[in-house]
C-alpha atoms as a PDB file:
ATOM      1  CA  MET A   1      84.946  94.905  51.377  1.00  0.00           C
ATOM      2  CA  SER A   2      87.910  92.901  52.695  1.00  0.00           C
ATOM      3  CA  GLU A   3      87.628  90.700  55.749  1.00  0.00           C
ATOM      4  CA  PRO A   4      87.958  92.542  59.077  1.00  0.00           C
ATOM      5  CA  ASP A   5      91.347  92.248  60.733  1.00  0.00           C
ATOM      6  CA  PHE A   6      89.631  91.806  64.100  1.00  0.00           C
ATOM      7  CA  LYS A   7      86.663  89.420  64.320  1.00  0.00           C
ATOM      8  CA  ARG A   8      85.567  89.792  67.956  1.00  0.00           C
ATOM      9  CA  VAL A   9      85.754  93.270  69.450  1.00  0.00           C
ATOM     10  CA  GLY A  10      85.124  94.088  73.092  1.00  0.00           C
ATOM     11  CA  ILE A  11      84.292  97.699  73.976  1.00  0.00           C
ATOM     12  CA  LEU A  12      84.606  98.719  77.608  1.00  0.00           C
ATOM     13  CA  GLY A  13      82.499 101.864  77.848  1.00  0.00           C
ATOM     14  CA  VAL A  14      79.842 102.135  75.145  1.00  0.00           C
ATOM     15  CA  GLY A  15      79.473 105.912  75.171  1.00  0.00           C
ATOM     16  CA  LEU A  16      79.926 108.475  72.412  1.00  0.00           C
ATOM     17  CA  ILE A  17      83.323 107.218  71.216  1.00  0.00           C
ATOM     18  CA  GLY A  18      82.995 103.544  72.150  1.00  0.00           C
ATOM     19  CA  GLY A  19      79.464 103.319  70.757  1.00  0.00           C
ATOM     20  CA  SER A  20      80.421 105.127  67.560  1.00  0.00           C
ATOM     21  CA  LEU A  21      83.351 102.750  67.085  1.00  0.00           C
ATOM     22  CA  GLY A  22      81.103  99.728  67.506  1.00  0.00           C
ATOM     23  CA  GLY A  23      78.535 101.156  65.120  1.00  0.00           C
ATOM     24  CA  ALA A  24      81.194 101.984  62.528  1.00  0.00           C
ATOM     25  CA  LEU A  25      82.582  98.447  62.625  1.00  0.00           C
ATOM     26  CA  LYS A  26      79.111  96.902  62.380  1.00  0.00           C
ATOM     27  CA  GLY A  27      78.286  99.203  59.483  1.00  0.00           C
ATOM     28  CA  LEU A  28      81.381  98.075  57.608  1.00  0.00           C
ATOM     29  CA  TYR A  29      81.383  94.365  58.370  1.00  0.00           C
ATOM     30  CA  ARG A  30      77.884  93.460  59.592  1.00  0.00           C
ATOM     31  CA  ASP A  31      77.803  89.735  60.453  1.00  0.00           C
ATOM     32  CA  ARG A  32      81.525  89.242  59.813  1.00  0.00           C
ATOM     33  CA  ILE A  33      82.419  90.884  63.098  1.00  0.00           C
ATOM     34  CA  GLU A  34      81.036  90.564  66.617  1.00  0.00           C
ATOM     35  CA  VAL A  35      81.017  93.619  68.865  1.00  0.00           C
ATOM     36  CA  ARG A  36      80.444  93.202  72.584  1.00  0.00           C
ATOM     37  CA  GLY A  37      79.928  96.045  75.028  1.00  0.00           C
ATOM     38  CA  TYR A  38      80.406  96.659  78.739  1.00  0.00           C
ATOM     39  CA  GLY A  39      79.258  99.591  80.847  1.00  0.00           C
ATOM     40  CA  ARG A  40      77.851 100.478  84.242  1.00  0.00           C
ATOM     41  CA  SER A  41      74.443 101.567  82.972  1.00  0.00           C
ATOM     42  CA  GLU A  42      72.228  98.825  81.586  1.00  0.00           C
ATOM     43  CA  GLU A  43      69.893 101.466  80.169  1.00  0.00           C
ATOM     44  CA  ASN A  44      72.755 102.886  78.095  1.00  0.00           C
ATOM     45  CA  LEU A  45      73.800  99.410  76.959  1.00  0.00           C
ATOM     46  CA  ARG A  46      70.232  98.572  75.923  1.00  0.00           C
ATOM     47  CA  GLU A  47      70.211 101.756  73.856  1.00  0.00           C
ATOM     48  CA  ALA A  48      73.477 100.688  72.184  1.00  0.00           C
ATOM     49  CA  LEU A  49      72.005  97.276  71.386  1.00  0.00           C
ATOM     50  CA  LYS A  50      68.821  98.851  70.041  1.00  0.00           C
ATOM     51  CA  LYS A  51      70.837 101.148  67.758  1.00  0.00           C
ATOM     52  CA  GLY A  52      72.881  98.234  66.416  1.00  0.00           C
ATOM     53  CA  LEU A  53      76.150  99.534  67.860  1.00  0.00           C
ATOM     54  CA  ILE A  54      76.850  96.214  69.606  1.00  0.00           C
ATOM     55  CA  ASP A  55      75.682  92.604  69.300  1.00  0.00           C
ATOM     56  CA  PHE A  56      75.788  91.730  72.987  1.00  0.00           C
ATOM     57  CA  TYR A  57      76.307  93.477  76.307  1.00  0.00           C
ATOM     58  CA  SER A  58      77.209  92.574  79.866  1.00  0.00           C
ATOM     59  CA  LEU A  59      77.666  94.386  83.165  1.00  0.00           C
ATOM     60  CA  ASP A  60      80.633  92.079  83.799  1.00  0.00           C
ATOM     61  CA  PRO A  61      83.779  93.202  81.904  1.00  0.00           C
ATOM     62  CA  ASP A  62      85.160  89.637  82.007  1.00  0.00           C
ATOM     63  CA  ASP A  63      82.404  88.579  79.593  1.00  0.00           C
ATOM     64  CA  ILE A  64      83.541  91.229  77.123  1.00  0.00           C
ATOM     65  CA  ALA A  65      87.302  90.695  77.355  1.00  0.00           C
ATOM     66  CA  ARG A  66      87.269  86.913  77.267  1.00  0.00           C
ATOM     67  CA  GLY A  67      87.884  85.746  73.694  1.00  0.00           C
ATOM     68  CA  ALA A  68      88.186  89.264  72.254  1.00  0.00           C
ATOM     69  CA  ASP A  69      90.949  89.767  69.709  1.00  0.00           C
ATOM     70  CA  LEU A  70      90.543  93.543  70.057  1.00  0.00           C
ATOM     71  CA  LEU A  71      89.705  95.147  73.400  1.00  0.00           C
ATOM     72  CA  VAL A  72      88.900  98.868  73.477  1.00  0.00           C
ATOM     73  CA  LEU A  73      89.277 100.921  76.669  1.00  0.00           C
ATOM     74  CA  ALA A  74      86.622 103.622  76.282  1.00  0.00           C
ATOM     75  CA  THR A  75      85.665 104.301  79.908  1.00  0.00           C
ATOM     76  CA  PRO A  76      86.873 107.441  81.696  1.00  0.00           C
ATOM     77  CA  VAL A  77      90.665 107.236  81.874  1.00  0.00           C
ATOM     78  CA  SER A  78      90.650 106.867  85.663  1.00  0.00           C
ATOM     79  CA  GLY A  79      89.202 103.374  85.203  1.00  0.00           C
ATOM     80  CA  PHE A  80      91.805 102.023  82.782  1.00  0.00           C
ATOM     81  CA  GLU A  81      94.322 100.705  85.312  1.00  0.00           C
ATOM     82  CA  THR A  82      91.685  98.908  87.390  1.00  0.00           C
ATOM     83  CA  LEU A  83      90.110  97.304  84.327  1.00  0.00           C
ATOM     84  CA  VAL A  84      93.401  96.123  82.836  1.00  0.00           C
ATOM     85  CA  THR A  85      94.541  94.739  86.199  1.00  0.00           C
ATOM     86  CA  ARG A  86      91.316  92.762  86.476  1.00  0.00           C
ATOM     87  CA  LEU A  87      91.115  91.567  82.875  1.00  0.00           C
ATOM     88  CA  ARG A  88      94.713  90.586  82.151  1.00  0.00           C
ATOM     89  CA  ARG A  89      93.990  87.067  83.379  1.00  0.00           C
ATOM     90  CA  VAL A  90      91.320  86.500  80.714  1.00  0.00           C
ATOM     91  CA  LEU A  91      93.028  88.155  77.727  1.00  0.00           C
ATOM     92  CA  SER A  92      94.181  85.807  74.987  1.00  0.00           C
ATOM     93  CA  SER A  93      97.731  85.783  73.671  1.00  0.00           C
ATOM     94  CA  GLY A  94      97.792  87.529  70.311  1.00  0.00           C
ATOM     95  CA  SER A  95      94.980  89.905  71.221  1.00  0.00           C
ATOM     96  CA  VAL A  96      95.349  93.681  70.988  1.00  0.00           C
ATOM     97  CA  VAL A  97      94.259  96.344  73.468  1.00  0.00           C
ATOM     98  CA  ILE A  98      93.741  99.979  72.502  1.00  0.00           C
ATOM     99  CA  ASP A  99      92.349 102.957  74.353  1.00  0.00           C
ATOM    100  CA  VAL A 100      90.515 106.031  73.056  1.00  0.00           C
ATOM    101  CA  GLY A 101      91.306 108.387  75.931  1.00  0.00           C
ATOM    102  CA  SER A 102      92.288 112.038  75.673  1.00  0.00           C
ATOM    103  CA  VAL A 103      95.434 111.673  77.782  1.00  0.00           C
ATOM    104  CA  LYS A 104      98.405 109.356  77.301  1.00  0.00           C
ATOM    105  CA  GLY A 105     101.789 110.008  78.974  1.00  0.00           C
ATOM    106  CA  GLU A 106     102.507 107.743  81.925  1.00  0.00           C
ATOM    107  CA  LEU A 107      99.120 106.062  81.527  1.00  0.00           C
ATOM    108  CA  VAL A 108     100.309 104.334  78.342  1.00  0.00           C
ATOM    109  CA  HIS A 109     103.409 102.981  80.061  1.00  0.00           C
ATOM    110  CA  THR A 110     101.348 101.808  83.054  1.00  0.00           C
ATOM    111  CA  ILE A 111      98.936  99.864  80.849  1.00  0.00           C
ATOM    112  CA  GLU A 112     101.822  98.295  78.922  1.00  0.00           C
ATOM    113  CA  SER A 113     103.412  97.117  82.164  1.00  0.00           C
ATOM    114  CA  LEU A 114     100.166  95.502  83.340  1.00  0.00           C
ATOM    115  CA  LEU A 115      99.359  93.521  80.204  1.00  0.00           C
ATOM    116  CA  PRO A 116     100.508  89.894  79.969  1.00  0.00           C
ATOM    117  CA  GLU A 117     103.138  88.684  77.518  1.00  0.00           C
ATOM    118  CA  GLY A 118     101.720  88.268  74.025  1.00  0.00           C
ATOM    119  CA  VAL A 119      99.056  90.982  74.333  1.00  0.00           C
ATOM    120  CA  GLY A 120      99.766  94.125  72.323  1.00  0.00           C
ATOM    121  CA  PHE A 121      98.800  97.668  73.252  1.00  0.00           C
ATOM    122  CA  VAL A 122      98.624 100.944  71.336  1.00  0.00           C
ATOM    123  CA  GLY A 123      97.375 104.210  72.791  1.00  0.00           C
ATOM    124  CA  CYS A 124      94.880 105.913  70.466  1.00  0.00           C
ATOM    125  CA  HIS A 125      93.111 109.268  70.497  1.00  0.00           C
ATOM    126  CA  PRO A 126      90.478 109.792  67.805  1.00  0.00           C
ATOM    127  CA  ILE A 127      89.861 113.549  67.610  1.00  0.00           C
ATOM    128  CA  ALA A 128      86.146 113.159  67.110  1.00  0.00           C
ATOM    129  CA  GLY A 129      84.485 113.784  70.458  1.00  0.00           C
ATOM    130  CA  SER A 130      82.072 116.471  71.541  1.00  0.00           C
ATOM    131  CA  GLU A 131      80.448 117.740  74.723  1.00  0.00           C
ATOM    132  CA  LYS A 132      77.752 115.072  74.256  1.00  0.00           C
ATOM    133  CA  SER A 133      77.940 111.629  75.814  1.00  0.00           C
ATOM    134  CA  GLY A 134      76.260 108.240  75.901  1.00  0.00           C
ATOM    135  CA  ALA A 135      75.218 105.679  73.315  1.00  0.00           C
ATOM    136  CA  VAL A 136      72.213 107.815  72.421  1.00  0.00           C
ATOM    137  CA  ASN A 137      74.629 110.303  70.819  1.00  0.00           C
ATOM    138  CA  ALA A 138      76.855 107.710  69.134  1.00  0.00           C
ATOM    139  CA  ASP A 139      77.326 108.115  65.387  1.00  0.00           C
ATOM    140  CA  PRO A 140      78.843 105.383  63.155  1.00  0.00           C
ATOM    141  CA  GLY A 141      80.117 108.129  60.837  1.00  0.00           C
ATOM    142  CA  LEU A 142      81.898 110.005  63.627  1.00  0.00           C
ATOM    143  CA  PHE A 143      85.407 109.010  62.518  1.00  0.00           C
ATOM    144  CA  ARG A 144      85.038 109.791  58.824  1.00  0.00           C
ATOM    145  CA  ASP A 145      87.721 112.365  57.893  1.00  0.00           C
ATOM    146  CA  ALA A 146      88.679 112.713  61.563  1.00  0.00           C
ATOM    147  CA  LEU A 147      92.233 112.810  62.859  1.00  0.00           C
ATOM    148  CA  CYS A 148      93.399 109.913  65.031  1.00  0.00           C
ATOM    149  CA  VAL A 149      96.641 110.140  67.000  1.00  0.00           C
ATOM    150  CA  ILE A 150      98.338 106.872  67.896  1.00  0.00           C
ATOM    151  CA  THR A 151     101.086 106.781  70.526  1.00  0.00           C
ATOM    152  CA  PRO A 152     103.349 103.723  70.275  1.00  0.00           C
ATOM    153  CA  THR A 153     106.356 103.228  72.527  1.00  0.00           C
ATOM    154  CA  GLU A 154     109.634 101.385  72.112  1.00  0.00           C
ATOM    155  CA  LYS A 155     107.802  98.245  73.296  1.00  0.00           C
ATOM    156  CA  THR A 156     105.157  98.355  70.550  1.00  0.00           C
ATOM    157  CA  SER A 157     105.555  95.679  67.897  1.00  0.00           C
ATOM    158  CA  GLN A 158     105.411  96.859  64.293  1.00  0.00           C
ATOM    159  CA  GLU A 159     102.858  94.172  63.489  1.00  0.00           C
ATOM    160  CA  VAL A 160     100.457  95.371  66.182  1.00  0.00           C
ATOM    161  CA  LEU A 161     101.059  99.013  65.247  1.00  0.00           C
ATOM    162  CA  SER A 162     100.272  98.277  61.602  1.00  0.00           C
ATOM    163  CA  ARG A 163      97.022  96.501  62.491  1.00  0.00           C
ATOM    164  CA  VAL A 164      95.854  99.349  64.709  1.00  0.00           C
ATOM    165  CA  ARG A 165      96.753 101.983  62.129  1.00  0.00           C
ATOM    166  CA  MET A 166      94.829 100.050  59.497  1.00  0.00           C
ATOM    167  CA  LEU A 167      91.793  99.832  61.796  1.00  0.00           C
ATOM    168  CA  TRP A 168      91.518 103.615  62.053  1.00  0.00           C
ATOM    169  CA  GLU A 169      92.232 104.130  58.378  1.00  0.00           C
ATOM    170  CA  VAL A 170      89.441 101.707  57.442  1.00  0.00           C
ATOM    171  CA  LEU A 171      87.106 103.783  59.620  1.00  0.00           C
ATOM    172  CA  GLY A 172      88.059 106.851  57.583  1.00  0.00           C
ATOM    173  CA  CYS A 173      90.586 108.496  59.892  1.00  0.00           C
ATOM    174  CA  ARG A 174      93.772 110.341  59.028  1.00  0.00           C
ATOM    175  CA  VAL A 175      96.329 108.749  61.329  1.00  0.00           C
ATOM    176  CA  VAL A 176      99.213 110.649  62.938  1.00  0.00           C
ATOM    177  CA  GLN A 177     101.838 109.064  65.167  1.00  0.00           C
ATOM    178  CA  MET A 178     103.589 110.686  68.141  1.00  0.00           C
ATOM    179  CA  SER A 179     105.003 109.688  71.508  1.00  0.00           C
ATOM    180  CA  PRO A 180     102.699 109.571  74.549  1.00  0.00           C
ATOM    181  CA  GLU A 181     104.596 112.489  76.080  1.00  0.00           C
ATOM    182  CA  GLU A 182     104.352 114.669  72.971  1.00  0.00           C
ATOM    183  CA  HIS A 183     100.651 113.849  72.734  1.00  0.00           C
ATOM    184  CA  ASP A 184     100.028 115.209  76.227  1.00  0.00           C
ATOM    185  CA  ARG A 185     102.022 118.370  75.562  1.00  0.00           C
ATOM    186  CA  VAL A 186     100.169 119.102  72.299  1.00  0.00           C
ATOM    187  CA  PHE A 187      96.692 118.236  73.518  1.00  0.00           C
ATOM    188  CA  GLY A 188      97.313 119.915  76.834  1.00  0.00           C
ATOM    189  CA  LEU A 189      97.624 123.102  74.789  1.00  0.00           C
ATOM    190  CA  ILE A 190      94.823 122.683  72.253  1.00  0.00           C
ATOM    191  CA  SER A 191      92.282 120.644  74.239  1.00  0.00           C
ATOM    192  CA  HIS A 192      92.886 120.384  77.971  1.00  0.00           C
ATOM    193  CA  LEU A 193      93.755 124.065  78.526  1.00  0.00           C
ATOM    194  CA  PRO A 194      90.699 125.279  76.543  1.00  0.00           C
ATOM    195  CA  HIS A 195      88.437 123.052  78.654  1.00  0.00           C
ATOM    196  CA  VAL A 196      89.906 124.498  81.864  1.00  0.00           C
ATOM    197  CA  LEU A 197      89.490 128.016  80.470  1.00  0.00           C
ATOM    198  CA  SER A 198      85.900 127.337  79.389  1.00  0.00           C
ATOM    199  CA  TYR A 199      84.894 126.003  82.807  1.00  0.00           C
ATOM    200  CA  ALA A 200      86.681 128.924  84.506  1.00  0.00           C
ATOM    201  CA  LEU A 201      85.045 131.529  82.262  1.00  0.00           C
ATOM    202  CA  VAL A 202      81.517 130.282  82.921  1.00  0.00           C
ATOM    203  CA  LYS A 203      82.207 130.031  86.649  1.00  0.00           C
ATOM    204  CA  THR A 204      83.686 133.537  86.735  1.00  0.00           C
ATOM    205  CA  VAL A 205      80.641 135.064  85.060  1.00  0.00           C
ATOM    206  CA  GLY A 206      78.326 133.022  87.265  1.00  0.00           C
ATOM    207  CA  ASP A 207      80.135 134.090  90.425  1.00  0.00           C
ATOM    208  CA  LEU A 208      80.150 137.758  89.447  1.00  0.00           C
ATOM    209  CA  ASP A 209      76.586 137.947  88.157  1.00  0.00           C
ATOM    210  CA  SER A 210      74.757 134.712  87.360  1.00  0.00           C
ATOM    211  CA  ASP A 211      71.811 136.719  86.034  1.00  0.00           C
ATOM    212  CA  ALA A 212      74.060 138.009  83.241  1.00  0.00           C
ATOM    213  CA  LEU A 213      74.144 134.514  81.766  1.00  0.00           C
ATOM    214  CA  ARG A 214      70.560 135.056  80.596  1.00  0.00           C
ATOM    215  CA  PHE A 215      71.840 137.585  78.092  1.00  0.00           C
ATOM    216  CA  SER A 216      74.594 135.429  76.584  1.00  0.00           C
ATOM    217  CA  GLY A 217      74.650 135.385  72.805  1.00  0.00           C
ATOM    218  CA  ARG A 218      76.367 133.238  70.255  1.00  0.00           C
ATOM    219  CA  GLY A 219      79.844 134.495  71.088  1.00  0.00           C
ATOM    220  CA  PHE A 220      79.690 133.468  74.736  1.00  0.00           C
ATOM    221  CA  ARG A 221      77.898 130.231  73.912  1.00  0.00           C
ATOM    222  CA  ASP A 222      80.429 129.255  71.221  1.00  0.00           C
ATOM    223  CA  THR A 223      83.348 130.139  73.485  1.00  0.00           C
ATOM    224  CA  THR A 224      82.011 128.065  76.381  1.00  0.00           C
ATOM    225  CA  ARG A 225      80.352 125.161  74.541  1.00  0.00           C
ATOM    226  CA  ILE A 226      82.916 122.672  75.837  1.00  0.00           C
ATOM    227  CA  ALA A 227      82.021 123.592  79.428  1.00  0.00           C
ATOM    228  CA  LYS A 228      79.009 121.329  78.830  1.00  0.00           C
ATOM    229  CA  SER A 229      81.383 118.338  78.722  1.00  0.00           C
ATOM    230  CA  PRO A 230      81.064 115.761  81.543  1.00  0.00           C
ATOM    231  CA  PRO A 231      82.985 117.253  84.501  1.00  0.00           C
ATOM    232  CA  GLY A 232      84.160 113.922  85.926  1.00  0.00           C
ATOM    233  CA  LEU A 233      85.751 112.958  82.619  1.00  0.00           C
ATOM    234  CA  TRP A 234      87.689 116.212  82.429  1.00  0.00           C
ATOM    235  CA  VAL A 235      88.719 116.177  86.074  1.00  0.00           C
ATOM    236  CA  ASP A 236      90.514 112.888  85.385  1.00  0.00           C
ATOM    237  CA  ILE A 237      92.140 114.162  82.183  1.00  0.00           C
ATOM    238  CA  CYS A 238      93.375 117.326  83.892  1.00  0.00           C
ATOM    239  CA  LEU A 239      94.812 115.428  86.829  1.00  0.00           C
ATOM    240  CA  TYR A 240      96.648 112.965  84.566  1.00  0.00           C
ATOM    241  CA  ASN A 241      98.123 115.853  82.551  1.00  0.00           C
ATOM    242  CA  ARG A 242      98.646 118.038  85.625  1.00  0.00           C
ATOM    243  CA  ASP A 243     102.299 118.981  85.064  1.00  0.00           C
ATOM    244  CA  ASN A 244     101.748 120.234  81.516  1.00  0.00           C
ATOM    245  CA  LEU A 245      98.550 122.027  82.476  1.00  0.00           C
ATOM    246  CA  LEU A 246     100.154 123.914  85.357  1.00  0.00           C
ATOM    247  CA  LEU A 247     102.798 125.297  82.983  1.00  0.00           C
ATOM    248  CA  PHE A 248     100.184 126.288  80.405  1.00  0.00           C
ATOM    249  CA  ILE A 249      97.863 127.879  82.972  1.00  0.00           C
ATOM    250  CA  ASP A 250     100.769 129.987  84.279  1.00  0.00           C
ATOM    251  CA  ARG A 251     101.511 131.131  80.717  1.00  0.00           C
ATOM    252  CA  LEU A 252      97.857 131.985  80.115  1.00  0.00           C
ATOM    253  CA  ILE A 253      97.765 133.994  83.356  1.00  0.00           C
ATOM    254  CA  ASP A 254     100.831 135.918  82.155  1.00  0.00           C
ATOM    255  CA  GLU A 255      99.033 136.678  78.866  1.00  0.00           C
ATOM    256  CA  LEU A 256      95.949 137.957  80.700  1.00  0.00           C
ATOM    257  CA  LYS A 257      98.127 140.048  83.007  1.00  0.00           C
ATOM    258  CA  GLU A 258      99.811 141.617  79.984  1.00  0.00           C
ATOM    259  CA  ILE A 259      96.414 142.528  78.527  1.00  0.00           C
ATOM    260  CA  GLY A 260      95.475 143.988  81.916  1.00  0.00           C
ATOM    261  CA  ILE A 261      98.609 146.159  81.954  1.00  0.00           C
ATOM    262  CA  VAL A 262      97.877 147.351  78.408  1.00  0.00           C
ATOM    263  CA  LEU A 263      94.300 148.223  79.358  1.00  0.00           C
ATOM    264  CA  ARG A 264      95.420 150.170  82.430  1.00  0.00           C
ATOM    265  CA  GLY A 265      97.815 152.126  80.262  1.00  0.00           C
ATOM    266  CA  ARG A 266      95.136 152.706  77.597  1.00  0.00           C
ATOM    267  CA  ASP A 267      97.685 151.538  75.003  1.00  0.00           C
ATOM    268  CA  ARG A 268      95.412 151.061  71.997  1.00  0.00           C
ATOM    269  CA  ASN A 269      98.220 150.151  69.602  1.00  0.00           C
ATOM    270  CA  LYS A 270      99.582 147.387  71.841  1.00  0.00           C
ATOM    271  CA  LEU A 271      96.098 145.965  72.446  1.00  0.00           C
ATOM    272  CA  LEU A 272      95.448 146.015  68.710  1.00  0.00           C
ATOM    273  CA  GLU A 273      98.744 144.199  68.138  1.00  0.00           C
ATOM    274  CA  ILE A 274      97.811 141.450  70.604  1.00  0.00           C
ATOM    275  CA  PHE A 275      94.328 140.963  69.174  1.00  0.00           C
ATOM    276  CA  THR A 276      95.553 141.088  65.556  1.00  0.00           C
ATOM    277  CA  ARG A 277      98.196 138.441  66.247  1.00  0.00           C
ATOM    278  CA  ALA A 278      95.568 136.153  67.828  1.00  0.00           C
ATOM    279  CA  ARG A 279      93.105 136.761  64.985  1.00  0.00           C
ATOM    280  CA  SER A 280      95.730 135.885  62.378  1.00  0.00           C
ATOM    281  CA  LEU A 281      96.569 132.612  64.143  1.00  0.00           C
ATOM    282  CA  ARG A 282      92.896 131.684  64.435  1.00  0.00           C
ATOM    283  CA  GLN A 283      92.195 132.474  60.767  1.00  0.00           C
ATOM    284  CA  GLY A 284      94.928 130.038  59.857  1.00  0.00           C
ATOM    285  CA  LEU A 285      92.800 127.209  61.241  1.00  0.00           C
ATOM    286  CA  GLY A 286      90.089 127.744  58.623  1.00  0.00           C
ATOM    287  CA  ASP A 287      86.359 128.271  59.003  1.00  0.00           C
ATOM    288  CA  ASP A 288      85.521 124.590  59.568  1.00  0.00           C
ATOM    289  CA  CYS A 289      87.250 124.416  62.942  1.00  0.00           C
END
């Protein structure tokens, strides 16, 4: 195994993604890399230390950022700007900052503008999360064969971009590059909109007849699994990607209205056409999705 490109890693937010990243790096490099973790819950941080995901923890983010050559923003996205504003004074020139959030867009440009000269930044989104959270659910193998989207801008140096790409590839990811804006359009469609729909579907059933939830089978449970995701996390993501989401929600409403019109008209052929088209698209994803 080659030497790690980053020797001291600071992880701000040692949850599912942050903890898994720390554990993956420790599994690869053991004593050749130091991983430090910050979070608001000491109980969670103790769990991360116990599982070997980190070497050291602190409730003070300054302790984690100071001296780190790689700093990972893995808190809820609403905390990124405050953390970077606070920590920019202790970041070393030549260090690299990445995030692992599910939304990019203007947030990437804001972080870039806050970082001091000589500190690189690349937005990253490993597509490896789940509805679970916390260090207790962290898995060092989480990124193996996963997709990771990186979102450089015109300000990103090629040297920093190459180092960050290599980091994810070493962890076993397939890396894809796109702009922050394209990221939010794509993931607004395939991630953010489904979360909104899942929350809305469960709430609709609950409001109409909460007792009916007792009878839910695999279909309903599979369809609404992501409604178990932490609400606060997804509130922030939806608000940051608000403009895209409003467009997509309007389009989804139009689709539901069309199905309603077809049902009222008892047009079996048109309903079959709609469902067949959707089934064909879904089958194209494969059975492992």
